[in-house]
N, C-alpha and C. Protein backbone atom coordinates (compact mmCIF):
# COMPACT_ATOMS: atom_id res chain seq x y z
N UNK A 1 0.80 -0.96 0.41
CA UNK A 1 -0.07 0.20 0.00
C UNK A 1 0.90 1.25 -0.08
N UNK A 2 1.84 1.40 0.76
CA UNK A 2 2.82 2.51 0.96
C UNK A 2 3.55 2.70 -0.30
N UNK A 3 3.79 1.37 -0.93
CA UNK A 3 4.75 1.43 -2.40
C UNK A 3 3.91 2.11 -3.18
N UNK A 4 2.37 1.62 -3.55
CA UNK A 4 1.86 2.41 -4.38
C UNK A 4 1.16 3.83 -4.10
N UNK A 5 1.19 4.37 -2.89
CA UNK A 5 1.28 5.56 -2.77
C UNK A 5 2.45 6.38 -3.29
N UNK A 6 3.55 6.01 -2.64
CA UNK A 6 4.70 6.57 -3.48
C UNK A 6 4.78 6.61 -4.60
N UNK A 7 4.48 5.35 -5.34
CA UNK A 7 4.40 5.58 -7.04
C UNK A 7 3.34 6.51 -7.56
N UNK A 8 2.29 6.65 -7.16
CA UNK A 8 1.16 7.63 -7.52
C UNK A 8 2.10 9.13 -7.27
N UNK A 9 2.74 9.18 -5.85
CA UNK A 9 3.09 10.52 -6.05
C UNK A 9 4.20 10.66 -6.93
N UNK A 10 5.17 10.07 -6.99
CA UNK A 10 5.92 10.28 -7.97
C UNK A 10 5.44 10.47 -9.56
N UNK A 11 4.68 9.59 -9.76
CA UNK A 11 4.12 9.75 -11.09
C UNK A 11 3.24 11.30 -11.36
N UNK A 12 2.49 11.70 -10.21
CA UNK A 12 2.36 13.08 -10.11
C UNK A 12 3.24 14.17 -10.24
N UNK A 13 4.39 14.04 -10.00
CA UNK A 13 5.60 14.92 -9.89
C UNK A 13 5.82 15.22 -11.37
N UNK A 14 5.99 14.06 -11.78
CA UNK A 14 6.59 14.04 -13.55
C UNK A 14 5.27 14.39 -14.17
N UNK A 15 4.10 14.12 -13.93
CA UNK A 15 2.99 14.74 -14.74
C UNK A 15 2.90 16.22 -14.89
N UNK A 16 2.89 16.64 -13.60
CA UNK A 16 2.73 18.19 -13.36
C UNK A 16 3.76 18.94 -13.13
N UNK A 17 4.98 18.37 -13.22
CA UNK A 17 6.23 19.14 -13.41
C UNK A 17 6.27 20.26 -14.44
N UNK A 18 7.17 21.59 -14.06
CA UNK A 18 7.17 22.22 -15.37
C UNK A 18 8.42 21.68 -16.17
N UNK A 19 8.17 21.69 -17.42
CA UNK A 19 8.83 21.22 -18.62
C UNK A 19 9.50 22.68 -19.25
N UNK A 20 10.72 22.35 -19.78
CA UNK A 20 11.35 23.10 -20.43
C UNK A 20 11.14 23.02 -22.07
N UNK A 21 10.35 23.98 -22.40
CA UNK A 21 10.11 23.97 -23.94
C UNK A 21 11.10 24.53 -25.01
N UNK A 22 12.39 25.17 -24.39
CA UNK A 22 13.19 25.71 -25.20
C UNK A 22 14.19 24.50 -25.42
N UNK A 23 14.38 23.73 -26.59
CA UNK A 23 15.17 22.89 -27.17
C UNK A 23 16.62 23.62 -27.04
N UNK A 24 17.11 24.53 -28.01
CA UNK A 24 18.51 25.58 -27.95
C UNK A 24 18.02 26.84 -27.78
N UNK A 25 19.13 27.04 -27.08
CA UNK A 25 19.27 28.72 -27.15
C UNK A 25 20.48 29.15 -26.71
N UNK A 26 21.31 29.39 -27.79
CA UNK A 26 22.45 29.54 -28.00
C UNK A 26 22.51 31.16 -27.43
N UNK A 27 22.47 31.55 -26.30
CA UNK A 27 22.66 32.90 -25.77
C UNK A 27 21.77 33.99 -26.63
N UNK A 28 20.86 33.70 -27.37
CA UNK A 28 19.80 34.26 -28.09
C UNK A 28 18.75 35.08 -27.25
N UNK A 29 18.06 34.15 -26.56
CA UNK A 29 16.89 34.67 -25.68
C UNK A 29 17.46 34.92 -24.18
N UNK A 30 17.19 36.22 -23.60
CA UNK A 30 17.35 36.43 -22.25
C UNK A 30 16.41 35.92 -21.42
N UNK A 31 16.88 35.32 -20.14
CA UNK A 31 16.30 34.36 -19.19
C UNK A 31 14.77 34.94 -18.99
N UNK A 32 14.33 36.10 -18.71
CA UNK A 32 12.91 36.66 -18.82
C UNK A 32 12.02 36.01 -19.91
N UNK A 33 12.78 35.82 -21.24
CA UNK A 33 12.04 35.61 -22.27
C UNK A 33 11.80 34.14 -22.20
N UNK A 34 12.95 33.39 -21.79
CA UNK A 34 12.81 31.91 -21.68
C UNK A 34 11.87 31.85 -20.54
N UNK A 35 11.61 32.31 -19.67
CA UNK A 35 10.66 32.18 -18.45
C UNK A 35 9.39 32.34 -18.82
N UNK A 36 8.88 33.35 -19.84
CA UNK A 36 7.68 33.55 -20.19
C UNK A 36 7.08 32.58 -21.36
N UNK A 37 8.19 31.95 -22.15
CA UNK A 37 7.77 31.05 -23.10
C UNK A 37 7.72 29.80 -22.39
N UNK A 38 8.42 29.42 -21.44
CA UNK A 38 8.04 28.04 -20.57
C UNK A 38 6.92 28.29 -19.98
N UNK A 39 6.57 29.28 -19.60
CA UNK A 39 5.15 29.66 -18.76
C UNK A 39 4.02 29.28 -19.85
N UNK A 40 3.88 29.81 -20.83
CA UNK A 40 3.09 29.43 -22.11
C UNK A 40 3.00 28.30 -22.68
N UNK A 41 4.04 27.67 -22.94
CA UNK A 41 4.25 26.25 -23.23
C UNK A 41 3.71 25.46 -21.99
N UNK A 42 3.87 25.54 -21.00
CA UNK A 42 3.47 24.34 -19.90
C UNK A 42 2.26 24.83 -19.56
N UNK A 43 1.62 25.76 -19.98
CA UNK A 43 0.07 25.90 -19.83
C UNK A 43 -0.78 25.34 -21.07
N UNK A 44 -0.30 25.55 -22.20
CA UNK A 44 -0.65 25.19 -23.30
C UNK A 44 -0.64 23.54 -23.45
N UNK A 45 0.53 22.68 -22.74
CA UNK A 45 0.64 21.41 -22.68
C UNK A 45 -0.45 20.88 -21.55
N UNK A 46 -0.63 21.57 -20.52
CA UNK A 46 -1.53 21.04 -19.54
C UNK A 46 -2.84 21.20 -19.98
N UNK A 47 -3.08 22.14 -20.84
CA UNK A 47 -4.70 22.45 -21.16
C UNK A 47 -5.12 21.55 -22.59
N UNK A 48 -3.97 21.25 -23.37
CA UNK A 48 -4.36 20.48 -24.46
C UNK A 48 -3.48 19.44 -24.92
N UNK A 49 -2.55 19.17 -24.35
CA UNK A 49 -1.51 18.02 -24.45
C UNK A 49 -0.65 18.55 -25.59
N UNK A 50 -0.35 19.44 -26.05
CA UNK A 50 0.44 19.84 -27.02
C UNK A 50 1.55 20.43 -26.60
N UNK A 51 2.76 19.95 -27.12
CA UNK A 51 4.08 20.58 -26.39
C UNK A 51 4.61 21.71 -27.80
N UNK A 52 4.80 22.99 -27.70
CA UNK A 52 5.21 23.75 -28.24
C UNK A 52 6.68 23.98 -27.94
N UNK A 53 7.73 23.50 -28.87
CA UNK A 53 9.21 23.77 -28.38
C UNK A 53 9.78 24.86 -29.17
N UNK A 54 10.87 25.50 -28.98
CA UNK A 54 11.58 26.59 -29.68
C UNK A 54 12.81 26.13 -29.79
N UNK A 55 13.59 26.41 -30.93
CA UNK A 55 15.06 26.14 -31.08
C UNK A 55 15.47 27.38 -31.67
N UNK A 56 16.54 28.14 -30.89
CA UNK A 56 17.11 29.40 -31.24
C UNK A 56 18.83 29.26 -31.44
N UNK A 57 19.26 29.23 -32.82
CA UNK A 57 20.71 28.97 -32.89
C UNK A 57 21.35 29.96 -33.55
N UNK A 58 22.57 30.41 -33.19
CA UNK A 58 22.96 31.31 -34.02
C UNK A 58 23.75 30.83 -35.28
N UNK A 59 24.00 29.86 -35.63
CA UNK A 59 24.05 29.07 -37.05
C UNK A 59 23.76 27.65 -37.12
N UNK A 60 23.78 27.00 -38.31
CA UNK A 60 23.30 25.36 -38.23
C UNK A 60 24.53 24.93 -38.44
N UNK A 61 25.67 25.35 -38.79
CA UNK A 61 26.87 24.63 -39.18
C UNK A 61 26.53 24.06 -40.25
N UNK A 62 26.35 24.81 -41.67
CA UNK A 62 26.19 23.91 -42.75
C UNK A 62 24.85 23.13 -43.16
N UNK A 63 24.42 22.96 -42.13
CA UNK A 63 23.17 22.00 -42.43
C UNK A 63 21.81 23.08 -42.86
N UNK A 64 21.05 22.36 -43.75
CA UNK A 64 19.75 23.03 -44.15
C UNK A 64 18.81 22.80 -42.75
N UNK A 65 17.91 23.85 -42.88
CA UNK A 65 17.16 23.94 -41.89
C UNK A 65 16.10 22.75 -41.96
N UNK A 66 15.74 22.14 -42.80
CA UNK A 66 14.95 20.82 -43.20
C UNK A 66 15.47 19.75 -42.05
N UNK A 67 16.87 19.73 -42.49
CA UNK A 67 17.64 18.71 -41.82
C UNK A 67 17.88 18.71 -40.41
N UNK A 68 18.12 20.10 -40.16
CA UNK A 68 18.43 20.56 -39.03
C UNK A 68 17.13 20.29 -37.82
N UNK A 69 15.75 20.57 -38.31
CA UNK A 69 14.71 20.47 -37.72
C UNK A 69 14.37 19.15 -37.61
N UNK A 70 14.85 18.08 -38.72
CA UNK A 70 14.47 16.44 -38.47
C UNK A 70 15.34 16.05 -37.30
N UNK A 71 16.31 16.71 -37.21
CA UNK A 71 17.22 15.43 -36.31
C UNK A 71 16.66 16.24 -34.74
N UNK A 72 16.27 17.37 -34.63
CA UNK A 72 15.66 17.78 -33.54
C UNK A 72 14.39 17.24 -33.09
N UNK A 73 13.32 17.25 -34.03
CA UNK A 73 12.14 16.70 -33.96
C UNK A 73 12.13 14.92 -33.89
N UNK A 74 13.15 14.44 -34.08
CA UNK A 74 13.23 12.80 -33.90
C UNK A 74 13.10 12.45 -32.58
N UNK A 75 13.27 13.34 -31.81
CA UNK A 75 13.58 12.86 -30.25
C UNK A 75 12.30 13.57 -29.37
N UNK A 76 11.25 14.27 -30.11
CA UNK A 76 10.21 14.87 -29.72
C UNK A 76 8.87 13.65 -29.76
N UNK A 77 8.26 13.83 -28.86
CA UNK A 77 6.90 13.19 -28.47
C UNK A 77 5.84 13.90 -29.21
N UNK A 78 4.94 13.03 -29.90
CA UNK A 78 3.71 13.71 -30.41
C UNK A 78 2.73 13.86 -29.36
N UNK A 79 2.00 14.99 -29.48
CA UNK A 79 1.79 15.79 -30.63
C UNK A 79 2.70 17.34 -30.28
N UNK A 80 3.48 17.55 -31.38
CA UNK A 80 4.44 18.59 -31.02
C UNK A 80 4.47 19.90 -32.02
N UNK A 81 4.82 20.87 -31.92
CA UNK A 81 5.37 21.75 -32.99
C UNK A 81 6.50 22.33 -32.53
N UNK A 82 7.59 22.82 -33.49
CA UNK A 82 8.76 23.20 -33.41
C UNK A 82 9.06 24.38 -34.36
N UNK A 83 9.18 25.34 -33.58
CA UNK A 83 9.65 26.69 -34.05
C UNK A 83 10.85 26.91 -33.96
N UNK A 84 11.76 26.97 -35.37
CA UNK A 84 13.11 26.95 -35.15
C UNK A 84 13.55 28.44 -36.10
N UNK A 85 14.62 28.92 -35.39
CA UNK A 85 15.13 30.03 -35.75
C UNK A 85 16.72 30.06 -36.05
N UNK A 86 17.42 30.21 -37.02
CA UNK A 86 18.70 30.66 -36.90
C UNK A 86 19.45 31.77 -37.56
N UNK A 87 20.23 32.42 -36.77
CA UNK A 87 20.32 33.85 -36.92
C UNK A 87 21.19 34.32 -38.16
N UNK A 88 22.31 33.48 -38.11
CA UNK A 88 23.27 33.88 -39.28
C UNK A 88 22.68 33.52 -40.46
N UNK A 89 22.01 32.11 -40.57
CA UNK A 89 21.37 32.02 -41.94
C UNK A 89 20.21 32.92 -42.27
N UNK A 90 19.61 33.54 -41.69
CA UNK A 90 18.22 33.97 -41.71
C UNK A 90 17.20 33.48 -42.06
N UNK A 91 17.04 32.35 -41.10
CA UNK A 91 16.05 31.22 -41.53
C UNK A 91 15.12 31.04 -40.43
N UNK A 92 13.70 30.64 -40.39
CA UNK A 92 12.89 30.69 -39.44
C UNK A 92 11.98 29.78 -40.13
N UNK A 93 11.48 28.48 -39.47
CA UNK A 93 10.65 27.59 -39.97
C UNK A 93 9.79 27.10 -38.82
N UNK A 94 8.73 26.39 -38.92
CA UNK A 94 8.07 25.73 -38.09
C UNK A 94 7.49 24.31 -38.87
N UNK A 95 7.89 23.29 -37.85
CA UNK A 95 7.21 21.90 -37.91
C UNK A 95 6.42 21.32 -36.99
N UNK A 96 5.52 20.50 -37.38
CA UNK A 96 4.64 19.93 -36.45
C UNK A 96 4.18 18.50 -36.85
N UNK A 97 3.50 17.98 -35.72
CA UNK A 97 3.10 16.45 -36.04
C UNK A 97 1.96 16.73 -37.02
N UNK A 98 1.89 15.77 -37.80
CA UNK A 98 0.77 15.69 -38.75
C UNK A 98 -0.62 15.95 -37.99
N UNK A 99 -0.91 15.70 -36.74
CA UNK A 99 -1.98 15.56 -36.27
C UNK A 99 -2.49 17.24 -35.99
N UNK A 100 -1.46 18.09 -36.04
CA UNK A 100 -1.78 19.32 -35.66
C UNK A 100 -1.89 20.23 -36.96
N UNK A 101 -1.87 20.06 -37.85
CA UNK A 101 -1.80 20.79 -39.36
C UNK A 101 -2.92 21.41 -39.30
N UNK A 102 -4.06 21.24 -38.96
CA UNK A 102 -5.30 21.64 -39.16
C UNK A 102 -5.57 22.73 -37.89
N UNK A 103 -4.82 22.49 -36.90
CA UNK A 103 -4.93 23.40 -35.73
C UNK A 103 -4.42 24.60 -35.64
N UNK A 104 -3.37 25.24 -36.60
CA UNK A 104 -2.76 26.30 -36.53
C UNK A 104 -2.54 26.76 -37.86
N UNK A 105 -2.48 27.77 -38.34
CA UNK A 105 -2.04 28.63 -39.28
C UNK A 105 -0.53 28.93 -39.72
N UNK A 106 0.31 27.99 -40.16
CA UNK A 106 1.63 27.92 -40.01
C UNK A 106 2.01 29.19 -41.20
N UNK A 107 1.23 29.40 -42.15
CA UNK A 107 1.53 30.27 -43.50
C UNK A 107 1.49 31.55 -42.90
N UNK A 108 0.38 31.83 -42.15
CA UNK A 108 -0.09 33.13 -41.43
C UNK A 108 1.07 33.53 -40.51
N UNK A 109 1.60 32.59 -39.73
CA UNK A 109 2.62 33.14 -38.39
C UNK A 109 3.86 33.35 -39.18
N UNK A 110 4.25 32.60 -40.17
CA UNK A 110 5.44 32.93 -41.13
C UNK A 110 5.05 33.99 -42.16
N UNK A 111 4.08 34.39 -42.20
CA UNK A 111 3.91 35.64 -43.37
C UNK A 111 4.78 36.65 -43.13
N UNK A 112 5.46 37.21 -44.27
CA UNK A 112 6.13 38.65 -44.30
C UNK A 112 5.39 39.71 -43.97
N UNK A 113 3.97 39.48 -44.46
CA UNK A 113 3.17 40.76 -44.58
C UNK A 113 3.04 41.40 -43.00
N UNK A 114 3.08 42.70 -42.88
CA UNK A 114 3.11 43.10 -41.38
C UNK A 114 1.95 42.71 -40.69
N UNK A 115 0.72 42.96 -41.55
CA UNK A 115 -0.44 42.94 -40.89
C UNK A 115 -1.04 41.36 -40.62
N UNK A 116 -0.10 40.53 -41.27
CA UNK A 116 -0.54 39.06 -40.96
C UNK A 116 0.58 38.10 -40.14
N UNK A 117 1.60 38.46 -40.52
CA UNK A 117 2.77 37.59 -39.66
C UNK A 117 3.15 38.18 -38.39
N UNK A 118 3.72 37.18 -37.65
CA UNK A 118 4.13 37.62 -36.38
C UNK A 118 5.58 37.57 -35.99
N UNK A 119 6.36 37.03 -37.04
CA UNK A 119 7.71 36.51 -36.77
C UNK A 119 8.56 37.64 -38.06
N UNK A 120 8.53 37.12 -39.12
CA UNK A 120 9.37 37.87 -40.17
C UNK A 120 9.21 39.53 -40.19
N UNK A 121 8.03 39.78 -40.15
CA UNK A 121 7.97 41.61 -40.06
C UNK A 121 8.86 42.05 -38.87
N UNK A 122 8.67 41.36 -37.68
CA UNK A 122 9.35 42.00 -36.54
C UNK A 122 11.00 41.94 -36.96
N UNK A 123 11.41 40.96 -37.26
CA UNK A 123 12.88 40.46 -37.76
C UNK A 123 13.41 41.61 -38.61
N UNK A 124 12.57 41.77 -39.89
CA UNK A 124 12.72 42.83 -40.92
C UNK A 124 12.72 44.20 -40.55
N UNK A 125 12.02 44.65 -39.50
CA UNK A 125 11.60 45.83 -39.11
C UNK A 125 12.69 46.58 -38.05
N UNK A 126 13.53 45.75 -37.53
CA UNK A 126 14.35 46.40 -36.27
C UNK A 126 15.78 45.93 -36.67
N UNK A 127 16.43 46.90 -37.66
CA UNK A 127 17.77 46.65 -37.72
C UNK A 127 18.90 47.43 -36.82
N UNK A 128 18.00 48.41 -36.02
CA UNK A 128 19.01 49.10 -35.20
C UNK A 128 19.44 48.27 -34.16
N UNK A 129 18.59 47.33 -33.82
CA UNK A 129 18.78 46.40 -32.43
C UNK A 129 18.38 45.02 -32.80
N UNK A 130 19.17 44.30 -33.69
CA UNK A 130 18.89 42.91 -34.07
C UNK A 130 18.62 41.85 -32.92
N UNK A 131 19.40 42.01 -31.96
CA UNK A 131 19.16 41.24 -31.00
C UNK A 131 17.39 41.43 -30.06
N UNK A 132 17.23 42.67 -30.20
CA UNK A 132 15.75 42.65 -29.50
C UNK A 132 14.81 42.40 -30.71
N UNK A 133 15.18 42.44 -31.98
CA UNK A 133 13.99 42.02 -32.87
C UNK A 133 13.89 40.34 -32.81
N UNK A 134 14.68 39.51 -32.46
CA UNK A 134 14.78 38.08 -32.78
C UNK A 134 14.27 37.86 -31.36
N UNK A 135 14.59 38.49 -30.21
CA UNK A 135 13.70 37.91 -28.90
C UNK A 135 12.15 38.43 -29.30
N UNK A 136 11.89 39.43 -29.45
CA UNK A 136 10.53 40.04 -29.70
C UNK A 136 9.70 39.15 -30.86
N UNK A 137 10.33 38.76 -32.03
CA UNK A 137 9.73 37.65 -32.96
C UNK A 137 9.45 36.64 -32.45
N UNK A 138 10.54 36.04 -31.53
CA UNK A 138 10.31 34.35 -31.33
C UNK A 138 9.28 34.52 -30.31
N UNK A 139 9.25 35.55 -29.31
CA UNK A 139 8.05 35.43 -28.32
C UNK A 139 6.78 35.76 -28.97
N UNK A 140 6.85 36.67 -29.81
CA UNK A 140 5.39 36.62 -30.47
C UNK A 140 4.93 35.71 -31.39
N UNK A 141 5.95 35.02 -32.09
CA UNK A 141 5.74 33.60 -32.89
C UNK A 141 5.01 32.73 -31.92
N UNK A 142 5.95 32.33 -31.05
CA UNK A 142 5.57 31.25 -29.97
C UNK A 142 4.41 31.75 -29.39
N UNK A 143 3.98 32.81 -28.93
CA UNK A 143 2.62 33.20 -28.32
C UNK A 143 1.52 33.05 -29.52
N UNK A 144 1.60 33.40 -30.74
CA UNK A 144 0.68 33.35 -31.70
C UNK A 144 0.40 31.51 -31.99
N UNK A 145 1.53 30.84 -31.94
CA UNK A 145 1.35 29.47 -32.17
C UNK A 145 0.23 29.12 -30.84
N UNK A 146 0.73 29.42 -29.81
CA UNK A 146 -0.12 28.93 -28.51
C UNK A 146 -1.58 29.48 -28.59
N UNK A 147 -1.61 30.59 -28.92
CA UNK A 147 -2.94 31.34 -29.02
C UNK A 147 -3.88 30.37 -30.22
N UNK A 148 -3.15 30.04 -31.15
CA UNK A 148 -4.11 29.17 -32.31
C UNK A 148 -4.23 28.10 -31.80
N UNK A 149 -3.60 27.51 -31.13
CA UNK A 149 -3.39 25.78 -30.57
C UNK A 149 -4.68 25.84 -29.48
N UNK A 150 -4.69 26.88 -28.60
CA UNK A 150 -5.69 26.95 -27.59
C UNK A 150 -7.17 27.15 -28.40
N UNK A 151 -7.07 28.18 -28.94
CA UNK A 151 -8.55 28.39 -29.85
C UNK A 151 -9.06 27.09 -30.13
N UNK A 152 -8.32 26.34 -31.04
CA UNK A 152 -8.63 25.17 -31.78
C UNK A 152 -9.25 24.15 -30.69
N UNK A 153 -8.83 24.14 -29.39
CA UNK A 153 -9.41 23.16 -28.40
C UNK A 153 -10.25 23.98 -27.66
N UNK A 154 -10.57 25.15 -28.03
CA UNK A 154 -11.76 25.81 -27.19
C UNK A 154 -10.85 25.90 -25.74
N UNK A 155 -9.87 26.33 -25.42
CA UNK A 155 -9.43 26.75 -24.13
C UNK A 155 -8.93 28.21 -24.18
N UNK A 156 -9.00 29.04 -23.00
CA UNK A 156 -8.21 30.09 -22.79
C UNK A 156 -6.94 29.94 -22.08
N UNK A 157 -5.82 30.70 -22.69
CA UNK A 157 -4.73 30.88 -21.86
C UNK A 157 -4.71 31.82 -20.82
N UNK A 158 -4.02 31.90 -19.51
CA UNK A 158 -4.04 32.99 -18.95
C UNK A 158 -2.51 33.72 -19.18
N UNK A 159 -1.75 32.75 -19.37
CA UNK A 159 -0.39 33.19 -19.70
C UNK A 159 0.07 34.24 -20.97
N UNK A 160 -1.08 33.95 -21.66
CA UNK A 160 -0.96 34.58 -23.20
C UNK A 160 -0.70 35.86 -23.14
N UNK A 161 0.32 36.46 -24.34
CA UNK A 161 0.24 37.62 -24.14
C UNK A 161 -0.67 38.43 -25.50
N UNK A 162 -1.57 37.85 -25.76
CA UNK A 162 -2.59 38.53 -26.74
C UNK A 162 -2.13 39.16 -27.73
N UNK A 163 -3.12 39.66 -28.59
CA UNK A 163 -3.07 40.09 -30.03
C UNK A 163 -2.66 41.48 -30.13
N UNK A 164 -2.66 42.10 -28.85
CA UNK A 164 -2.63 43.57 -28.70
C UNK A 164 -1.82 44.27 -29.83
N UNK A 165 -0.56 43.75 -30.15
CA UNK A 165 0.23 44.46 -31.15
C UNK A 165 -0.29 44.48 -32.50
N UNK A 166 -0.89 43.28 -32.81
CA UNK A 166 -1.77 43.25 -34.13
C UNK A 166 -2.83 44.12 -34.18
N UNK A 167 -3.64 44.51 -33.03
CA UNK A 167 -4.63 45.43 -33.35
C UNK A 167 -4.30 46.81 -33.24
N UNK A 168 -3.33 47.21 -32.40
CA UNK A 168 -2.64 48.29 -32.42
C UNK A 168 -2.09 48.64 -33.95
N UNK A 169 -1.43 47.56 -34.60
CA UNK A 169 -1.04 48.03 -36.18
C UNK A 169 -2.16 47.92 -37.00
N UNK A 170 -3.37 47.22 -36.78
CA UNK A 170 -4.52 47.11 -37.48
C UNK A 170 -5.21 48.95 -37.42
N UNK A 171 -5.39 49.35 -36.50
CA UNK A 171 -5.81 50.70 -36.09
C UNK A 171 -4.91 51.85 -36.56
N UNK A 172 -3.58 51.52 -36.70
CA UNK A 172 -2.49 52.48 -37.28
C UNK A 172 -2.76 52.60 -38.61
N UNK A 173 -2.92 51.20 -39.17
CA UNK A 173 -3.15 51.24 -40.88
C UNK A 173 -4.29 51.88 -41.05
N UNK A 174 -5.42 51.76 -40.23
CA UNK A 174 -6.73 52.68 -40.76
C UNK A 174 -6.40 53.91 -40.79
N UNK A 175 -5.90 54.51 -39.71
CA UNK A 175 -5.59 55.71 -39.51
C UNK A 175 -4.73 56.53 -40.64
N UNK A 176 -3.63 55.64 -41.20
CA UNK A 176 -2.59 55.99 -42.18
C UNK A 176 -3.34 56.13 -43.43
N UNK A 177 -4.09 55.23 -43.61
CA UNK A 177 -4.79 55.27 -45.02
C UNK A 177 -5.82 56.14 -44.96
N UNK A 178 -6.59 56.47 -43.83
CA UNK A 178 -7.69 57.65 -44.00
C UNK A 178 -6.86 58.92 -44.21
N UNK A 179 -5.81 59.09 -43.49
CA UNK A 179 -5.24 60.48 -43.90
C UNK A 179 -4.77 60.50 -45.35
N UNK A 180 -4.29 59.24 -45.90
CA UNK A 180 -4.05 59.47 -47.26
C UNK A 180 -4.99 59.68 -48.05
N UNK A 181 -6.17 58.99 -47.84
CA UNK A 181 -7.43 59.22 -48.53
C UNK A 181 -7.73 60.69 -48.76
N UNK A 182 -7.89 61.18 -47.49
CA UNK A 182 -8.25 62.70 -47.25
C UNK A 182 -7.10 63.68 -48.04
N UNK A 183 -5.76 63.55 -47.88
CA UNK A 183 -4.94 63.92 -48.58
C UNK A 183 -5.39 63.76 -50.41
N UNK A 184 -5.35 62.81 -50.86
CA UNK A 184 -5.93 62.51 -52.08
C UNK A 184 -7.15 63.42 -52.82
N UNK A 185 -8.00 63.40 -51.82
CA UNK A 185 -9.37 63.73 -52.09
C UNK A 185 -9.22 65.17 -52.06
N UNK A 186 -8.48 65.87 -51.28
CA UNK A 186 -8.23 67.25 -51.14
C UNK A 186 -7.33 67.86 -52.55
N UNK A 187 -6.50 67.05 -52.86
CA UNK A 187 -5.66 67.25 -54.20
C UNK A 187 -6.77 67.08 -55.07
N UNK A 188 -7.53 66.01 -55.13
CA UNK A 188 -8.40 66.23 -56.69
C UNK A 188 -9.53 67.21 -56.67
N UNK A 189 -9.63 67.73 -55.08
CA UNK A 189 -10.76 69.08 -55.10
C UNK A 189 -10.08 70.14 -55.52
N UNK A 190 -9.04 70.24 -55.14
CA UNK A 190 -8.15 71.65 -55.48
C UNK A 190 -7.70 71.69 -56.95
N UNK A 191 -7.50 70.52 -57.30
CA UNK A 191 -7.00 70.33 -58.66
C UNK A 191 -8.24 70.52 -59.56
N UNK A 192 -9.19 69.63 -59.55
CA UNK A 192 -10.11 69.72 -60.37
C UNK A 192 -11.44 70.52 -60.20
N UNK A 193 -11.99 70.49 -59.20
CA UNK A 193 -13.34 71.23 -58.69
C UNK A 193 -13.16 72.51 -58.59
N UNK A 194 -12.09 73.17 -57.86
CA UNK A 194 -12.11 74.49 -57.66
C UNK A 194 -11.89 75.48 -58.93
N UNK A 195 -11.41 74.73 -60.24
CA UNK A 195 -10.88 75.42 -61.33
C UNK A 195 -12.48 75.91 -62.02
């Protein structure tokens, strides 16, 4: 009886222990970002059973990103998602278990369009401080994957960073294009109507 209780206790420790979802971090992400990513990853795993991993390396040492990801994913347990970034090669990619293909939109997350993508637009827009850009891009991309997975399972994440940046960007676009439209209308009015 005592052995059975001890076994149940040990199994619970393993089941509910905090996991590390950062497979590789070659000094790219600071500890506070690593902590936030692990917090999000643990919550997603506890609520959905999906593991979202991240690998951030300075370089892949001659490997192509597909081969690099394949070597990392061979050790992962289904269902999983792996977000990979190589700084020197300027490569970012996401691979996943086949069962998760319909649960999140990889193309949207990796889109270079600022109003759609969450990783590449940030990487390309912060040339003054590339380290901060990489950190922000990985955190935003990871959080977007987590939000999409949670939504597909019908759960809410307390640790989510939300889509505030996307909403702000949307409203800035609306204001910008409205101002452009007003300037164009003013030009047309002065040029053609006033004569």
